PDB file of N, CA and C in Angstrom:
ATOM      1  N   MET A   1      -8.074  13.445  -3.430  1.00  0.00           N
ATOM      2  CA  MET A   1      -6.687  13.401  -3.840  1.00  0.00           C
ATOM      3  C   MET A   1      -6.257  11.939  -4.009  1.00  0.00           C
ATOM      4  N   VAL A   2      -5.565  11.654  -5.080  1.00  0.00           N
ATOM      5  CA  VAL A   2      -5.112  10.298  -5.362  1.00  0.00           C
ATOM      6  C   VAL A   2      -3.733  10.091  -4.746  1.00  0.00           C
ATOM      7  N   VAL A   3      -3.618   9.050  -3.958  1.00  0.00           N
ATOM      8  CA  VAL A   3      -2.358   8.717  -3.308  1.00  0.00           C
ATOM      9  C   VAL A   3      -1.738   7.554  -4.070  1.00  0.00           C
ATOM     10  N   LYS A   4      -0.479   7.703  -4.468  1.00  0.00           N
ATOM     11  CA  LYS A   4       0.188   6.634  -5.222  1.00  0.00           C
ATOM     12  C   LYS A   4       1.184   5.924  -4.326  1.00  0.00           C
ATOM     13  N   VAL A   5       0.944   4.640  -4.135  1.00  0.00           N
ATOM     14  CA  VAL A   5       1.830   3.795  -3.340  1.00  0.00           C
ATOM     15  C   VAL A   5       2.208   2.606  -4.209  1.00  0.00           C
ATOM     16  N   GLU A   6       3.503   2.323  -4.302  1.00  0.00           N
ATOM     17  CA  GLU A   6       3.959   1.184  -5.090  1.00  0.00           C
ATOM     18  C   GLU A   6       4.237  -0.003  -4.184  1.00  0.00           C
ATOM     19  N   ALA A   7       3.866  -1.181  -4.671  1.00  0.00           N
ATOM     20  CA  ALA A   7       4.145  -2.425  -3.955  1.00  0.00           C
ATOM     21  C   ALA A   7       4.543  -3.472  -4.987  1.00  0.00           C
ATOM     22  N   PHE A   8       5.140  -4.563  -4.529  1.00  0.00           N
ATOM     23  CA  PHE A   8       5.580  -5.616  -5.439  1.00  0.00           C
ATOM     24  C   PHE A   8       4.472  -6.650  -5.596  1.00  0.00           C
ATOM     25  N   ASP A   9       4.082  -6.898  -6.824  1.00  0.00           N
ATOM     26  CA  ASP A   9       3.082  -7.919  -7.145  1.00  0.00           C
ATOM     27  C   ASP A   9       3.833  -9.207  -7.471  1.00  0.00           C
ATOM     28  N   VAL A  10       3.726 -10.212  -6.610  1.00  0.00           N
ATOM     29  CA  VAL A  10       4.489 -11.446  -6.789  1.00  0.00           C
ATOM     30  C   VAL A  10       3.968 -12.265  -7.974  1.00  0.00           C
ATOM     31  N   LYS A  11       2.700 -12.148  -8.276  1.00  0.00           N
ATOM     32  CA  LYS A  11       2.141 -12.907  -9.388  1.00  0.00           C
ATOM     33  C   LYS A  11       2.622 -12.345 -10.736  1.00  0.00           C
ATOM     34  N   ALA A  12       2.678 -11.015 -10.846  1.00  0.00           N
ATOM     35  CA  ALA A  12       3.125 -10.364 -12.078  1.00  0.00           C
ATOM     36  C   ALA A  12       4.642 -10.173 -12.094  1.00  0.00           C
ATOM     37  N   ARG A  13       5.282 -10.335 -10.927  1.00  0.00           N
ATOM     38  CA  ARG A  13       6.734 -10.180 -10.775  1.00  0.00           C
ATOM     39  C   ARG A  13       7.232  -8.790 -11.135  1.00  0.00           C
ATOM     40  N   LYS A  14       6.467  -7.762 -10.717  1.00  0.00           N
ATOM     41  CA  LYS A  14       6.913  -6.393 -10.917  1.00  0.00           C
ATOM     42  C   LYS A  14       6.207  -5.458  -9.941  1.00  0.00           C
ATOM     43  N   LYS A  15       6.743  -4.231  -9.828  1.00  0.00           N
ATOM     44  CA  LYS A  15       6.126  -3.240  -8.965  1.00  0.00           C
ATOM     45  C   LYS A  15       4.894  -2.661  -9.647  1.00  0.00           C
ATOM     46  N   VAL A  16       3.852  -2.439  -8.853  1.00  0.00           N
ATOM     47  CA  VAL A  16       2.608  -1.862  -9.354  1.00  0.00           C
ATOM     48  C   VAL A  16       2.145  -0.769  -8.402  1.00  0.00           C
ATOM     49  N   VAL A  17       1.315   0.129  -8.901  1.00  0.00           N
ATOM     50  CA  VAL A  17       0.707   1.158  -8.057  1.00  0.00           C
ATOM     51  C   VAL A  17      -0.551   0.555  -7.450  1.00  0.00           C
ATOM     52  N   ILE A  18      -0.674   0.609  -6.128  1.00  0.00           N
ATOM     53  CA  ILE A  18      -1.799   0.004  -5.416  1.00  0.00           C
ATOM     54  C   ILE A  18      -3.079   0.784  -5.700  1.00  0.00           C
ATOM     55  N   GLU A  19      -4.164   0.060  -6.001  1.00  0.00           N
ATOM     56  CA  GLU A  19      -5.478   0.678  -6.173  1.00  0.00           C
ATOM     57  C   GLU A  19      -6.144   0.801  -4.810  1.00  0.00           C
ATOM     58  N   ASN A  20      -6.710   1.944  -4.515  1.00  0.00           N
ATOM     59  CA  ASN A  20      -7.413   2.218  -3.256  1.00  0.00           C
ATOM     60  C   ASN A  20      -6.594   1.798  -2.036  1.00  0.00           C
ATOM     61  N   PRO A  21      -5.417   2.389  -1.840  1.00  0.00           N
ATOM     62  CA  PRO A  21      -4.601   1.996  -0.687  1.00  0.00           C
ATOM     63  C   PRO A  21      -5.241   2.427   0.625  1.00  0.00           C
ATOM     64  N   GLU A  22      -5.163   1.555   1.618  1.00  0.00           N
ATOM     65  CA  GLU A  22      -5.626   1.896   2.959  1.00  0.00           C
ATOM     66  C   GLU A  22      -4.533   1.501   3.943  1.00  0.00           C
ATOM     67  N   ILE A  23      -4.403   2.256   5.009  1.00  0.00           N
ATOM     68  CA  ILE A  23      -3.379   1.980   6.007  1.00  0.00           C
ATOM     69  C   ILE A  23      -3.940   1.010   7.030  1.00  0.00           C
ATOM     70  N   VAL A  24      -3.222  -0.078   7.251  1.00  0.00           N
ATOM     71  CA  VAL A  24      -3.631  -1.101   8.210  1.00  0.00           C
ATOM     72  C   VAL A  24      -2.483  -1.367   9.170  1.00  0.00           C
ATOM     73  N   THR A  25      -2.813  -1.917  10.337  1.00  0.00           N
ATOM     74  CA  THR A  25      -1.809  -2.313  11.313  1.00  0.00           C
ATOM     75  C   THR A  25      -1.696  -3.834  11.287  1.00  0.00           C
ATOM     76  N   LEU A  26      -0.487  -4.327  11.085  1.00  0.00           N
ATOM     77  CA  LEU A  26      -0.254  -5.764  11.047  1.00  0.00           C
ATOM     78  C   LEU A  26      -0.227  -6.326  12.464  1.00  0.00           C
ATOM     79  N   LYS A  27      -0.218  -7.657  12.593  1.00  0.00           N
ATOM     80  CA  LYS A  27      -0.219  -8.304  13.912  1.00  0.00           C
ATOM     81  C   LYS A  27       0.942  -7.868  14.781  1.00  0.00           C
ATOM     82  N   ASN A  28       2.087  -7.624  14.172  1.00  0.00           N
ATOM     83  CA  ASN A  28       3.277  -7.252  14.938  1.00  0.00           C
ATOM     84  C   ASN A  28       3.343  -5.762  15.241  1.00  0.00           C
ATOM     85  N   GLY A  29       2.315  -4.998  14.871  1.00  0.00           N
ATOM     86  CA  GLY A  29       2.264  -3.583  15.203  1.00  0.00           C
ATOM     87  C   GLY A  29       2.781  -2.664  14.108  1.00  0.00           C
ATOM     88  N   ARG A  30       3.341  -3.214  13.043  1.00  0.00           N
ATOM     89  CA  ARG A  30       3.862  -2.392  11.940  1.00  0.00           C
ATOM     90  C   ARG A  30       2.697  -1.846  11.116  1.00  0.00           C
ATOM     91  N   LEU A  31       2.925  -0.698  10.489  1.00  0.00           N
ATOM     92  CA  LEU A  31       1.920  -0.108   9.615  1.00  0.00           C
ATOM     93  C   LEU A  31       2.205  -0.522   8.174  1.00  0.00           C
ATOM     94  N   ALA A  32       1.136  -0.748   7.407  1.00  0.00           N
ATOM     95  CA  ALA A  32       1.297  -1.156   6.019  1.00  0.00           C
ATOM     96  C   ALA A  32       0.168  -0.566   5.179  1.00  0.00           C
ATOM     97  N   ALA A  33       0.446  -0.406   3.893  1.00  0.00           N
ATOM     98  CA  ALA A  33      -0.583   0.006   2.940  1.00  0.00           C
ATOM     99  C   ALA A  33      -1.077  -1.259   2.255  1.00  0.00           C
ATOM    100  N   ARG A  34      -2.396  -1.433   2.210  1.00  0.00           N
ATOM    101  CA  ARG A  34      -2.991  -2.622   1.604  1.00  0.00           C
ATOM    102  C   ARG A  34      -3.927  -2.181   0.487  1.00  0.00           C
ATOM    103  N   GLY A  35      -3.912  -2.931  -0.609  1.00  0.00           N
ATOM    104  CA  GLY A  35      -4.797  -2.619  -1.721  1.00  0.00           C
ATOM    105  C   GLY A  35      -4.730  -3.709  -2.770  1.00  0.00           C
ATOM    106  N   LYS A  36      -5.338  -3.457  -3.905  1.00  0.00           N
ATOM    107  CA  LYS A  36      -5.394  -4.429  -4.996  1.00  0.00           C
ATOM    108  C   LYS A  36      -4.399  -4.057  -6.092  1.00  0.00           C
ATOM    109  N   SER A  37      -3.862  -5.088  -6.735  1.00  0.00           N
ATOM    110  CA  SER A  37      -2.991  -4.895  -7.885  1.00  0.00           C
ATOM    111  C   SER A  37      -3.863  -4.701  -9.125  1.00  0.00           C
ATOM    112  N   PRO A  38      -3.591  -3.668  -9.934  1.00  0.00           N
ATOM    113  CA  PRO A  38      -4.395  -3.469 -11.135  1.00  0.00           C
ATOM    114  C   PRO A  38      -4.126  -4.526 -12.216  1.00  0.00           C
ATOM    115  N   LEU A  39      -2.984  -5.184 -12.156  1.00  0.00           N
ATOM    116  CA  LEU A  39      -2.640  -6.182 -13.176  1.00  0.00           C
ATOM    117  C   LEU A  39      -3.291  -7.536 -12.919  1.00  0.00           C
ATOM    118  N   THR A  40      -3.188  -8.028 -11.670  1.00  0.00           N
ATOM    119  CA  THR A  40      -3.658  -9.379 -11.379  1.00  0.00           C
ATOM    120  C   THR A  40      -4.858  -9.421 -10.441  1.00  0.00           C
ATOM    121  N   GLY A  41      -5.132  -8.344  -9.738  1.00  0.00           N
ATOM    122  CA  GLY A  41      -6.274  -8.306  -8.832  1.00  0.00           C
ATOM    123  C   GLY A  41      -6.018  -8.901  -7.462  1.00  0.00           C
ATOM    124  N   ILE A  42      -4.765  -9.326  -7.190  1.00  0.00           N
ATOM    125  CA  ILE A  42      -4.471  -9.883  -5.871  1.00  0.00           C
ATOM    126  C   ILE A  42      -4.230  -8.755  -4.868  1.00  0.00           C
ATOM    127  N   THR A  43      -4.334  -9.073  -3.595  1.00  0.00           N
ATOM    128  CA  THR A  43      -4.071  -8.095  -2.546  1.00  0.00           C
ATOM    129  C   THR A  43      -2.564  -7.972  -2.357  1.00  0.00           C
ATOM    130  N   VAL A  44      -2.087  -6.719  -2.357  1.00  0.00           N
ATOM    131  CA  VAL A  44      -0.661  -6.464  -2.159  1.00  0.00           C
ATOM    132  C   VAL A  44      -0.484  -5.548  -0.956  1.00  0.00           C
ATOM    133  N   TYR A  45       0.657  -5.683  -0.304  1.00  0.00           N
ATOM    134  CA  TYR A  45       0.990  -4.891   0.876  1.00  0.00           C
ATOM    135  C   TYR A  45       2.321  -4.197   0.674  1.00  0.00           C
ATOM    136  N   LYS A  46       2.465  -3.034   1.298  1.00  0.00           N
ATOM    137  CA  LYS A  46       3.762  -2.365   1.385  1.00  0.00           C
ATOM    138  C   LYS A  46       3.922  -1.933   2.831  1.00  0.00           C
ATOM    139  N   ILE A  47       4.958  -2.429   3.480  1.00  0.00           N
ATOM    140  CA  ILE A  47       5.221  -2.054   4.867  1.00  0.00           C
ATOM    141  C   ILE A  47       5.755  -0.623   4.876  1.00  0.00           C
ATOM    142  N   LEU A  48       5.177   0.194   5.739  1.00  0.00           N
ATOM    143  CA  LEU A  48       5.496   1.615   5.784  1.00  0.00           C
ATOM    144  C   LEU A  48       6.286   1.975   7.033  1.00  0.00           C
ATOM    145  N   SER A  49       7.086   3.017   6.905  1.00  0.00           N
ATOM    146  CA  SER A  49       7.716   3.592   8.088  1.00  0.00           C
ATOM    147  C   SER A  49       6.685   4.522   8.729  1.00  0.00           C
ATOM    148  N   LYS A  50       6.950   4.974   9.935  1.00  0.00           N
ATOM    149  CA  LYS A  50       6.014   5.893  10.595  1.00  0.00           C
ATOM    150  C   LYS A  50       5.876   7.174   9.788  1.00  0.00           C
ATOM    151  N   LYS A  51       6.992   7.634   9.233  1.00  0.00           N
ATOM    152  CA  LYS A  51       6.983   8.868   8.444  1.00  0.00           C
ATOM    153  C   LYS A  51       6.116   8.708   7.196  1.00  0.00           C
ATOM    154  N   GLU A  52       6.268   7.588   6.484  1.00  0.00           N
ATOM    155  CA  GLU A  52       5.467   7.329   5.287  1.00  0.00           C
ATOM    156  C   GLU A  52       3.983   7.231   5.620  1.00  0.00           C
ATOM    157  N   ALA A  53       3.653   6.576   6.717  1.00  0.00           N
ATOM    158  CA  ALA A  53       2.255   6.419   7.119  1.00  0.00           C
ATOM    159  C   ALA A  53       1.630   7.779   7.438  1.00  0.00           C
ATOM    160  N   GLU A  54       2.365   8.637   8.132  1.00  0.00           N
ATOM    161  CA  GLU A  54       1.855   9.969   8.452  1.00  0.00           C
ATOM    162  C   GLU A  54       1.615  10.780   7.182  1.00  0.00           C
ATOM    163  N   GLU A  55       2.547  10.694   6.217  1.00  0.00           N
ATOM    164  CA  GLU A  55       2.403  11.427   4.970  1.00  0.00           C
ATOM    165  C   GLU A  55       1.181  10.935   4.186  1.00  0.00           C
ATOM    166  N   LEU A  56       0.963   9.625   4.163  1.00  0.00           N
ATOM    167  CA  LEU A  56      -0.185   9.068   3.458  1.00  0.00           C
ATOM    168  C   LEU A  56      -1.499   9.509   4.095  1.00  0.00           C
ATOM    169  N   GLN A  57      -1.549   9.524   5.415  1.00  0.00           N
ATOM    170  CA  GLN A  57      -2.770   9.931   6.095  1.00  0.00           C
ATOM    171  C   GLN A  57      -3.068  11.396   5.830  1.00  0.00           C
ATOM    172  N   LYS A  58      -2.034  12.240   5.765  1.00  0.00           N
ATOM    173  CA  LYS A  58      -2.228  13.666   5.471  1.00  0.00           C
ATOM    174  C   LYS A  58      -2.742  13.857   4.050  1.00  0.00           C
ATOM    175  N   LYS A  59      -2.186  13.091   3.104  1.00  0.00           N
ATOM    176  CA  LYS A  59      -2.579  13.223   1.696  1.00  0.00           C
ATOM    177  C   LYS A  59      -3.993  12.730   1.464  1.00  0.00           C
ATOM    178  N   LYS A  60      -4.412  11.713   2.210  1.00  0.00           N
ATOM    179  CA  LYS A  60      -5.748  11.148   2.013  1.00  0.00           C
ATOM    180  C   LYS A  60      -6.860  12.082   2.465  1.00  0.00           C
ATOM    181  N   LYS A  61      -6.562  12.961   3.411  1.00  0.00           N
ATOM    182  CA  LYS A  61      -7.604  13.867   3.946  1.00  0.00           C
ATOM    183  C   LYS A  61      -7.917  14.983   2.998  1.00  0.00           C
TER     184      LYS A  61
END
């Protein structure tokens, strides 16, 4: 199943759909989706709420 997560690409200056999003825990304990931008190839992050993270994990399975 394909999970669509949007994040802001600072290099392209617009929102993009993250390629191969994975859920990671940041240093401060927050959950985020990390992946590559299809436009520029840079790594982009979207900070998630607990509810969003749970929904993403359910969809990925």
